[in-house]
């Protein structure tokens, strides 16, 4: 059950993250906190843009410092 009436169920998340362990930690934390999530993980900026074009999402999560991408410089 969602924590609030206005949170989509499932919550569709696009996650830009190069470390699978970090991505798993985020997913486990959200599930533990009661969110029903569908997470698509990509590990490059190009993959992130392509995923945005393919499917609607409710939330974007992004690591700011990846080997191929620095979110602060874009």
Protein backbone atom coordinates (compact mmCIF):
# COMPACT_ATOMS: atom_id res chain seq x y z
CA UNK A 1 0.00 0.00 0.00
CA UNK A 2 1.39 3.46 -0.91
CA UNK A 3 2.30 5.87 1.86
CA UNK A 4 0.07 8.59 0.38
CA UNK A 5 -2.94 8.61 -1.92
CA UNK A 6 -1.15 10.67 -4.57
CA UNK A 7 1.84 8.29 -4.96
CA UNK A 8 1.42 6.07 -8.04
CA UNK A 9 1.15 2.35 -7.43
CA UNK A 10 3.45 1.05 -8.72
CA UNK A 11 5.88 3.97 -8.60
CA UNK A 12 7.86 3.87 -11.87
CA UNK A 13 11.45 4.95 -11.30
CA UNK A 14 14.24 5.51 -13.79
CA UNK A 15 17.54 5.14 -11.95
CA UNK A 16 20.85 6.26 -13.45
CA UNK A 17 23.37 4.30 -11.39
CA UNK A 18 26.56 2.49 -12.38
CA UNK A 19 26.94 0.52 -9.15
CA UNK A 20 24.52 -2.43 -8.93
CA UNK A 21 24.98 -2.66 -5.16
CA UNK A 22 23.93 0.97 -4.70
CA UNK A 23 20.91 0.40 -6.95
CA UNK A 24 19.90 -2.65 -4.89
CA UNK A 25 20.22 -0.64 -1.68
CA UNK A 26 17.89 2.04 -3.04
CA UNK A 27 15.37 -0.57 -4.21
CA UNK A 28 15.44 -2.46 -0.90
CA UNK A 29 15.04 0.75 1.10
CA UNK A 30 12.03 1.85 -0.95
CA UNK A 31 10.37 -1.56 -0.67
CA UNK A 32 11.08 -1.72 3.06
CA UNK A 33 9.46 1.70 3.44
CA UNK A 34 6.29 0.40 1.80
CA UNK A 35 6.62 1.55 -1.79
CA UNK A 36 5.56 -0.68 -4.66
CA UNK A 37 8.23 0.17 -7.24
CA UNK A 38 9.16 -0.70 -10.80
CA UNK A 39 12.75 0.42 -11.27
CA UNK A 40 14.58 0.62 -14.57
CA UNK A 41 18.32 1.02 -13.99
CA UNK A 42 20.66 2.38 -16.62
CA UNK A 43 24.37 3.07 -16.24
CA UNK A 44 25.07 5.76 -18.83
CA UNK A 45 23.70 9.14 -19.79
CA UNK A 46 22.81 7.82 -23.26
CA UNK A 47 20.91 4.92 -21.69
CA UNK A 48 19.15 7.37 -19.41
CA UNK A 49 17.96 9.50 -22.34
CA UNK A 50 16.87 6.43 -24.32
CA UNK A 51 14.89 5.06 -21.37
CA UNK A 52 13.13 8.41 -20.97
CA UNK A 53 11.99 8.19 -24.59
CA UNK A 54 10.72 4.59 -24.23
CA UNK A 55 8.51 4.77 -21.16
CA UNK A 56 6.82 7.22 -18.83
CA UNK A 57 8.30 7.47 -15.34
CA UNK A 58 7.13 8.98 -12.08
CA UNK A 59 10.54 9.59 -10.54
CA UNK A 60 14.10 10.08 -11.78
CA UNK A 61 17.01 9.13 -9.57
CA UNK A 62 20.52 9.90 -10.72
CA UNK A 63 23.99 9.33 -9.40
CA UNK A 64 25.78 12.64 -9.92
CA UNK A 65 29.22 11.18 -10.52
CA UNK A 66 29.57 8.39 -13.07
CA UNK A 67 32.66 7.47 -15.09
CA UNK A 68 30.95 8.64 -18.29
CA UNK A 69 28.75 11.38 -16.87
CA UNK A 70 28.87 14.16 -14.29
CA UNK A 71 25.37 15.44 -13.58
CA UNK A 72 26.67 18.76 -12.28
CA UNK A 73 28.32 19.65 -15.62
CA UNK A 74 25.36 18.91 -17.91
